[in-house]
């Protein structure tokens, strides 16, 4: 088992949250930055595209034009606690995975299915125990 660690700090002067991930800093909330929910979609897309590319390389398959487009629906009433029974998170996430027309569709579909089965971000979104600790 491997533990992955990220530290997110609030920068009061710049009014932004900065995540330090393995020595790489990313603004995860603030002026002119992606929202945490957009970053979540980006993480899912990045995971899928990188695994598809890795699997394609192993199969000596060329996948030009590989792209993952994601959309997520969120109801702001869930965060505002205005609507009982409304989740504060995504209600639905849609993922469209495309490649150039030159790519064999059956082989591409197999790659996508294999990637979806082993993508750790997708697996995490389907349910994981979250342990919260106050210090």
N, C-alpha and C. Protein backbone atom coordinates (compact mmCIF):
# COMPACT_ATOMS: atom_id res chain seq x y z
N UNK A 1 0.84 -1.17 0.00
CA UNK A 1 0.00 0.00 0.00
C UNK A 1 0.89 1.24 0.00
N UNK A 2 0.44 2.26 -0.72
CA UNK A 2 1.18 3.51 -0.82
C UNK A 2 0.29 4.63 -0.29
N UNK A 3 0.85 5.51 0.52
CA UNK A 3 0.12 6.67 1.01
C UNK A 3 0.50 7.89 0.20
N UNK A 4 -0.50 8.61 -0.28
CA UNK A 4 -0.28 9.84 -1.04
C UNK A 4 -0.72 10.99 -0.16
N UNK A 5 0.12 12.03 -0.07
CA UNK A 5 -0.17 13.14 0.83
C UNK A 5 -0.21 14.46 0.08
N UNK A 6 -1.18 15.28 0.41
CA UNK A 6 -1.30 16.64 -0.12
C UNK A 6 -1.59 17.55 1.07
N UNK A 7 -0.94 18.70 1.10
CA UNK A 7 -1.18 19.69 2.15
C UNK A 7 -1.76 20.93 1.48
N UNK A 8 -2.92 21.37 1.96
CA UNK A 8 -3.57 22.56 1.42
C UNK A 8 -3.55 23.64 2.50
N UNK A 9 -3.01 24.81 2.15
CA UNK A 9 -2.89 25.92 3.09
C UNK A 9 -3.63 27.14 2.57
N UNK A 10 -4.21 27.91 3.48
CA UNK A 10 -4.89 29.14 3.14
C UNK A 10 -3.91 30.30 3.22
N UNK A 11 -3.80 31.06 2.14
CA UNK A 11 -2.94 32.24 2.09
C UNK A 11 -3.84 33.45 2.29
N UNK A 12 -3.83 33.98 3.50
CA UNK A 12 -4.73 35.09 3.87
C UNK A 12 -4.48 36.33 3.01
N UNK A 13 -3.22 36.66 2.75
CA UNK A 13 -2.90 37.86 1.99
C UNK A 13 -3.41 37.80 0.56
N UNK A 14 -3.29 36.66 -0.08
CA UNK A 14 -3.71 36.52 -1.47
C UNK A 14 -5.12 35.94 -1.61
N UNK A 15 -5.75 35.62 -0.48
CA UNK A 15 -7.10 35.05 -0.47
C UNK A 15 -7.21 33.84 -1.41
N UNK A 16 -6.32 32.88 -1.20
CA UNK A 16 -6.35 31.68 -2.02
C UNK A 16 -5.85 30.48 -1.22
N UNK A 17 -6.29 29.32 -1.65
CA UNK A 17 -5.82 28.06 -1.06
C UNK A 17 -4.80 27.46 -2.02
N UNK A 18 -3.69 27.00 -1.46
CA UNK A 18 -2.62 26.44 -2.28
C UNK A 18 -2.34 25.02 -1.80
N UNK A 19 -2.35 24.10 -2.75
CA UNK A 19 -2.07 22.70 -2.44
C UNK A 19 -0.63 22.39 -2.82
N UNK A 20 0.08 21.76 -1.91
CA UNK A 20 1.43 21.28 -2.20
C UNK A 20 1.33 19.78 -2.39
N UNK A 21 1.61 19.36 -3.62
CA UNK A 21 1.51 17.95 -3.95
C UNK A 21 2.85 17.47 -4.48
N UNK A 22 3.58 16.79 -3.60
CA UNK A 22 4.87 16.22 -4.01
C UNK A 22 5.81 17.29 -4.57
N UNK A 23 5.81 18.46 -3.92
CA UNK A 23 6.69 19.55 -4.35
C UNK A 23 6.13 20.44 -5.44
N UNK A 24 4.94 20.14 -5.92
CA UNK A 24 4.28 20.97 -6.93
C UNK A 24 3.16 21.75 -6.28
N UNK A 25 3.16 23.07 -6.45
CA UNK A 25 2.12 23.91 -5.87
C UNK A 25 1.05 24.21 -6.91
N UNK A 26 -0.20 24.11 -6.47
CA UNK A 26 -1.35 24.37 -7.33
C UNK A 26 -2.34 25.22 -6.54
N UNK A 27 -2.81 26.31 -7.15
CA UNK A 27 -3.86 27.11 -6.52
C UNK A 27 -5.16 26.35 -6.70
N UNK A 28 -5.79 25.99 -5.59
CA UNK A 28 -7.01 25.19 -5.65
C UNK A 28 -8.26 26.00 -5.31
N UNK A 29 -8.08 27.24 -4.93
CA UNK A 29 -9.21 28.13 -4.71
C UNK A 29 -8.67 29.55 -4.64
N UNK A 30 -9.31 30.44 -5.35
CA UNK A 30 -8.92 31.84 -5.31
C UNK A 30 -9.25 32.54 -6.61
N UNK A 31 -8.86 33.79 -6.67
CA UNK A 31 -9.13 34.59 -7.86
C UNK A 31 -8.40 34.00 -9.06
N UNK A 32 -9.11 33.86 -10.16
CA UNK A 32 -8.57 33.35 -11.42
C UNK A 32 -8.03 31.92 -11.33
N UNK A 33 -8.59 31.13 -10.46
CA UNK A 33 -8.15 29.73 -10.38
C UNK A 33 -9.34 28.83 -10.65
N UNK A 34 -9.04 27.59 -10.94
CA UNK A 34 -10.10 26.59 -11.09
C UNK A 34 -10.70 26.34 -9.71
N UNK A 35 -11.96 25.98 -9.70
CA UNK A 35 -12.61 25.64 -8.43
C UNK A 35 -12.19 24.22 -8.03
N UNK A 36 -12.33 23.88 -6.75
CA UNK A 36 -12.03 22.51 -6.34
C UNK A 36 -12.84 21.46 -7.13
N UNK A 37 -14.07 21.77 -7.49
CA UNK A 37 -14.88 20.83 -8.25
C UNK A 37 -14.35 20.68 -9.68
N UNK A 38 -13.88 21.77 -10.28
CA UNK A 38 -13.26 21.68 -11.60
C UNK A 38 -11.97 20.86 -11.53
N UNK A 39 -11.23 21.04 -10.46
CA UNK A 39 -9.99 20.26 -10.29
C UNK A 39 -10.31 18.77 -10.11
N UNK A 40 -11.42 18.48 -9.45
CA UNK A 40 -11.84 17.09 -9.29
C UNK A 40 -12.12 16.47 -10.65
N UNK A 41 -12.86 17.19 -11.50
CA UNK A 41 -13.11 16.70 -12.86
C UNK A 41 -11.80 16.55 -13.62
N UNK A 42 -10.90 17.52 -13.46
CA UNK A 42 -9.59 17.45 -14.11
C UNK A 42 -8.78 16.25 -13.65
N UNK A 43 -8.90 15.92 -12.38
CA UNK A 43 -8.19 14.74 -11.85
C UNK A 43 -8.73 13.46 -12.47
N UNK A 44 -10.04 13.37 -12.58
CA UNK A 44 -10.64 12.19 -13.22
C UNK A 44 -10.23 12.10 -14.68
N UNK A 45 -10.30 13.21 -15.39
CA UNK A 45 -9.89 13.22 -16.80
C UNK A 45 -8.42 12.91 -16.98
N UNK A 46 -7.58 13.48 -16.13
CA UNK A 46 -6.15 13.23 -16.21
C UNK A 46 -5.81 11.78 -15.93
N UNK A 47 -6.51 11.19 -14.98
CA UNK A 47 -6.29 9.78 -14.65
C UNK A 47 -6.69 8.90 -15.84
N UNK A 48 -7.86 9.15 -16.39
CA UNK A 48 -8.33 8.32 -17.51
C UNK A 48 -7.44 8.47 -18.74
N UNK A 49 -7.09 9.69 -19.11
CA UNK A 49 -6.29 9.90 -20.33
C UNK A 49 -4.89 9.29 -20.16
N UNK A 50 -4.31 9.41 -18.97
CA UNK A 50 -2.97 8.85 -18.77
C UNK A 50 -2.99 7.32 -18.77
N UNK A 51 -4.03 6.73 -18.21
CA UNK A 51 -4.11 5.26 -18.20
C UNK A 51 -4.40 4.74 -19.60
N UNK A 52 -5.29 5.41 -20.34
CA UNK A 52 -5.56 4.99 -21.72
C UNK A 52 -4.27 5.06 -22.53
N UNK A 53 -3.52 6.15 -22.38
CA UNK A 53 -2.26 6.30 -23.12
C UNK A 53 -1.26 5.21 -22.73
N UNK A 54 -1.18 4.90 -21.43
CA UNK A 54 -0.26 3.86 -20.96
C UNK A 54 -0.64 2.49 -21.53
N UNK A 55 -1.94 2.18 -21.48
CA UNK A 55 -2.40 0.89 -22.02
C UNK A 55 -2.18 0.81 -23.52
N UNK A 56 -2.43 1.92 -24.22
CA UNK A 56 -2.22 1.94 -25.67
C UNK A 56 -0.76 1.69 -26.01
N UNK A 57 0.14 2.30 -25.23
CA UNK A 57 1.58 2.10 -25.47
C UNK A 57 1.97 0.63 -25.27
N UNK A 58 1.44 0.02 -24.22
CA UNK A 58 1.73 -1.39 -23.96
C UNK A 58 1.24 -2.29 -25.09
N UNK A 59 0.13 -1.90 -25.71
CA UNK A 59 -0.42 -2.68 -26.81
C UNK A 59 0.13 -2.23 -28.17
N UNK A 60 1.11 -1.31 -28.11
CA UNK A 60 1.71 -0.75 -29.33
C UNK A 60 0.63 -0.17 -30.26
N UNK A 61 -0.29 0.53 -29.61
CA UNK A 61 -1.41 1.13 -30.34
C UNK A 61 -1.24 2.65 -30.30
N UNK A 62 -1.43 3.29 -31.43
CA UNK A 62 -1.31 4.74 -31.54
C UNK A 62 -2.72 5.34 -31.42
N UNK A 63 -2.89 6.28 -30.49
CA UNK A 63 -4.21 6.88 -30.25
C UNK A 63 -4.12 8.40 -30.41
N UNK A 64 -4.06 8.88 -31.65
CA UNK A 64 -3.99 10.33 -31.86
C UNK A 64 -5.32 11.00 -31.49
N UNK A 65 -5.22 12.23 -31.03
CA UNK A 65 -6.42 13.00 -30.72
C UNK A 65 -7.15 12.55 -29.46
N UNK A 66 -6.48 11.81 -28.59
CA UNK A 66 -7.11 11.34 -27.36
C UNK A 66 -7.52 12.53 -26.50
N UNK A 67 -8.78 12.53 -26.10
CA UNK A 67 -9.30 13.63 -25.29
C UNK A 67 -10.40 13.13 -24.38
N UNK A 68 -10.42 13.65 -23.16
CA UNK A 68 -11.49 13.34 -22.21
C UNK A 68 -12.16 14.66 -21.84
N UNK A 69 -13.44 14.74 -22.11
CA UNK A 69 -14.22 15.94 -21.77
C UNK A 69 -15.19 15.56 -20.66
N UNK A 70 -15.19 16.36 -19.61
CA UNK A 70 -16.04 16.05 -18.45
C UNK A 70 -16.96 17.21 -18.12
N UNK A 71 -18.15 16.86 -17.69
CA UNK A 71 -19.12 17.82 -17.18
C UNK A 71 -19.72 17.24 -15.91
N UNK A 72 -19.95 18.11 -14.94
CA UNK A 72 -20.58 17.67 -13.71
C UNK A 72 -21.69 18.62 -13.33
N UNK A 73 -22.80 18.07 -12.87
CA UNK A 73 -23.94 18.87 -12.43
C UNK A 73 -23.95 18.96 -10.91
N UNK A 74 -24.04 20.19 -10.42
CA UNK A 74 -24.06 20.42 -8.98
C UNK A 74 -25.18 21.40 -8.67
N UNK A 75 -25.91 21.15 -7.62
CA UNK A 75 -27.01 22.02 -7.21
C UNK A 75 -26.52 22.88 -6.05
N UNK A 76 -26.37 24.20 -6.26
CA UNK A 76 -25.89 25.09 -5.19
C UNK A 76 -26.74 25.03 -3.92
N UNK A 77 -27.99 24.63 -4.02
CA UNK A 77 -28.84 24.52 -2.83
C UNK A 77 -28.29 23.48 -1.86
N UNK A 78 -27.57 22.50 -2.37
CA UNK A 78 -26.99 21.48 -1.50
C UNK A 78 -25.95 22.05 -0.55
N UNK A 79 -25.11 22.96 -1.05
CA UNK A 79 -24.10 23.59 -0.19
C UNK A 79 -24.72 24.63 0.73
N UNK A 80 -25.79 25.28 0.27
CA UNK A 80 -26.44 26.33 1.06
C UNK A 80 -27.41 25.75 2.08
N UNK A 81 -27.58 24.44 2.06
CA UNK A 81 -28.49 23.73 2.96
C UNK A 81 -29.93 24.23 2.83
N UNK A 82 -30.25 24.70 1.62
CA UNK A 82 -31.62 25.17 1.36
C UNK A 82 -32.53 24.02 0.99
N UNK A 83 -31.97 23.01 0.42
CA UNK A 83 -32.80 21.89 -0.04
C UNK A 83 -32.49 20.64 0.75
N UNK A 84 -33.47 20.14 1.44
CA UNK A 84 -33.25 18.91 2.18
C UNK A 84 -33.10 17.75 1.20
N UNK A 85 -32.14 16.90 1.46
CA UNK A 85 -31.92 15.74 0.63
C UNK A 85 -31.12 16.02 -0.63
N UNK A 86 -30.65 17.27 -0.81
CA UNK A 86 -29.84 17.60 -1.98
C UNK A 86 -28.37 17.49 -1.60
N UNK A 87 -27.66 16.68 -2.33
CA UNK A 87 -26.24 16.50 -2.07
C UNK A 87 -25.48 17.79 -2.35
N UNK A 88 -24.44 18.10 -1.56
CA UNK A 88 -23.62 19.27 -1.87
C UNK A 88 -22.63 19.01 -3.00
N UNK A 89 -22.43 17.77 -3.35
CA UNK A 89 -21.48 17.42 -4.40
C UNK A 89 -22.16 17.22 -5.74
N UNK A 90 -21.39 16.67 -6.67
CA UNK A 90 -21.93 16.42 -8.00
C UNK A 90 -23.12 15.47 -7.92
N UNK A 91 -24.16 15.82 -8.67
CA UNK A 91 -25.32 14.94 -8.81
C UNK A 91 -25.04 13.91 -9.90
N UNK A 92 -24.30 14.35 -10.92
CA UNK A 92 -23.96 13.48 -12.05
C UNK A 92 -22.69 14.00 -12.69
N UNK A 93 -21.86 13.08 -13.16
CA UNK A 93 -20.66 13.42 -13.92
C UNK A 93 -20.76 12.68 -15.25
N UNK A 94 -20.56 13.44 -16.33
CA UNK A 94 -20.56 12.85 -17.67
C UNK A 94 -19.14 12.95 -18.23
N UNK A 95 -18.68 11.84 -18.79
CA UNK A 95 -17.32 11.78 -19.33
C UNK A 95 -17.40 11.31 -20.79
N UNK A 96 -16.89 12.14 -21.68
CA UNK A 96 -16.87 11.81 -23.11
C UNK A 96 -15.41 11.61 -23.51
N UNK A 97 -15.10 10.42 -23.98
CA UNK A 97 -13.72 10.07 -24.35
C UNK A 97 -13.67 9.89 -25.85
N UNK A 98 -12.81 10.65 -26.51
CA UNK A 98 -12.74 10.61 -27.96
C UNK A 98 -11.30 10.43 -28.43
N UNK A 99 -11.18 9.99 -29.67
CA UNK A 99 -9.90 9.89 -30.36
C UNK A 99 -10.17 10.11 -31.85
N UNK A 100 -9.12 10.32 -32.60
CA UNK A 100 -9.27 10.53 -34.04
C UNK A 100 -9.99 9.36 -34.68
N UNK A 101 -10.62 9.63 -35.82
CA UNK A 101 -11.37 8.60 -36.55
C UNK A 101 -10.48 7.47 -37.05
N UNK A 102 -9.17 7.70 -37.13
CA UNK A 102 -8.26 6.67 -37.62
C UNK A 102 -8.08 5.52 -36.62
N UNK A 103 -8.48 5.74 -35.38
CA UNK A 103 -8.32 4.72 -34.33
C UNK A 103 -9.43 3.68 -34.45
N UNK A 104 -9.05 2.41 -34.44
CA UNK A 104 -10.01 1.32 -34.50
C UNK A 104 -10.97 1.42 -33.31
N UNK A 105 -12.26 1.52 -33.58
CA UNK A 105 -13.27 1.75 -32.54
C UNK A 105 -13.35 0.62 -31.53
N UNK A 106 -13.29 -0.63 -31.99
CA UNK A 106 -13.38 -1.76 -31.05
C UNK A 106 -12.18 -1.79 -30.10
N UNK A 107 -10.99 -1.59 -30.65
CA UNK A 107 -9.78 -1.57 -29.82
C UNK A 107 -9.82 -0.39 -28.84
N UNK A 108 -10.29 0.75 -29.33
CA UNK A 108 -10.38 1.94 -28.48
C UNK A 108 -11.38 1.72 -27.34
N UNK A 109 -12.51 1.11 -27.66
CA UNK A 109 -13.51 0.83 -26.63
C UNK A 109 -12.94 -0.10 -25.56
N UNK A 110 -12.16 -1.09 -25.97
CA UNK A 110 -11.52 -1.99 -25.00
C UNK A 110 -10.56 -1.23 -24.10
N UNK A 111 -9.76 -0.32 -24.69
CA UNK A 111 -8.83 0.49 -23.89
C UNK A 111 -9.58 1.31 -22.85
N UNK A 112 -10.66 1.95 -23.27
CA UNK A 112 -11.44 2.79 -22.37
C UNK A 112 -12.04 1.95 -21.24
N UNK A 113 -12.57 0.79 -21.55
CA UNK A 113 -13.13 -0.08 -20.52
C UNK A 113 -12.07 -0.54 -19.54
N UNK A 114 -10.90 -0.92 -20.07
CA UNK A 114 -9.80 -1.35 -19.19
C UNK A 114 -9.34 -0.20 -18.30
N UNK A 115 -9.23 0.99 -18.87
CA UNK A 115 -8.80 2.17 -18.09
C UNK A 115 -9.82 2.48 -17.00
N UNK A 116 -11.10 2.44 -17.34
CA UNK A 116 -12.14 2.70 -16.35
C UNK A 116 -12.13 1.73 -15.19
N UNK A 117 -11.72 0.51 -15.48
CA UNK A 117 -11.69 -0.53 -14.44
C UNK A 117 -10.53 -0.34 -13.46
N UNK A 118 -9.46 0.35 -13.89
CA UNK A 118 -8.28 0.49 -13.02
C UNK A 118 -7.97 1.94 -12.65
N UNK A 119 -8.78 2.89 -13.06
CA UNK A 119 -8.54 4.30 -12.75
C UNK A 119 -8.81 4.55 -11.26
N UNK A 120 -7.79 4.90 -10.47
CA UNK A 120 -8.01 5.08 -9.03
C UNK A 120 -8.89 6.28 -8.70
N UNK A 121 -8.89 7.31 -9.53
CA UNK A 121 -9.75 8.47 -9.25
C UNK A 121 -11.21 8.08 -9.46
N UNK A 122 -11.50 7.37 -10.54
CA UNK A 122 -12.86 6.91 -10.79
C UNK A 122 -13.33 6.00 -9.66
N UNK A 123 -12.46 5.10 -9.25
CA UNK A 123 -12.80 4.19 -8.15
C UNK A 123 -13.09 4.96 -6.87
N UNK A 124 -12.29 5.98 -6.58
CA UNK A 124 -12.49 6.78 -5.37
C UNK A 124 -13.83 7.50 -5.41
N UNK A 125 -14.21 8.02 -6.57
CA UNK A 125 -15.48 8.73 -6.69
C UNK A 125 -16.67 7.80 -6.51
N UNK A 126 -16.47 6.52 -6.70
CA UNK A 126 -17.56 5.57 -6.55
C UNK A 126 -17.77 5.15 -5.10
N UNK A 127 -16.91 5.61 -4.23
CA UNK A 127 -17.14 5.33 -2.82
C UNK A 127 -15.88 4.92 -2.09
N UNK A 128 -15.53 5.71 -1.12
CA UNK A 128 -14.39 5.39 -0.26
C UNK A 128 -14.70 5.92 1.13
N UNK A 129 -14.20 5.26 2.12
CA UNK A 129 -14.39 5.74 3.48
C UNK A 129 -13.52 6.96 3.69
N UNK A 130 -14.12 8.06 4.15
CA UNK A 130 -13.38 9.28 4.45
C UNK A 130 -13.33 9.44 5.95
N UNK A 131 -12.12 9.48 6.47
CA UNK A 131 -11.93 9.65 7.91
C UNK A 131 -11.51 11.10 8.15
N UNK A 132 -12.34 11.84 8.87
CA UNK A 132 -12.04 13.24 9.16
C UNK A 132 -11.48 13.34 10.57
N UNK A 133 -10.45 14.16 10.72
CA UNK A 133 -9.80 14.32 12.02
C UNK A 133 -9.60 15.80 12.28
N UNK A 134 -9.96 16.26 13.45
CA UNK A 134 -9.72 17.64 13.86
C UNK A 134 -8.51 17.67 14.77
N UNK A 135 -7.66 18.67 14.55
CA UNK A 135 -6.45 18.78 15.36
C UNK A 135 -6.40 20.14 16.02
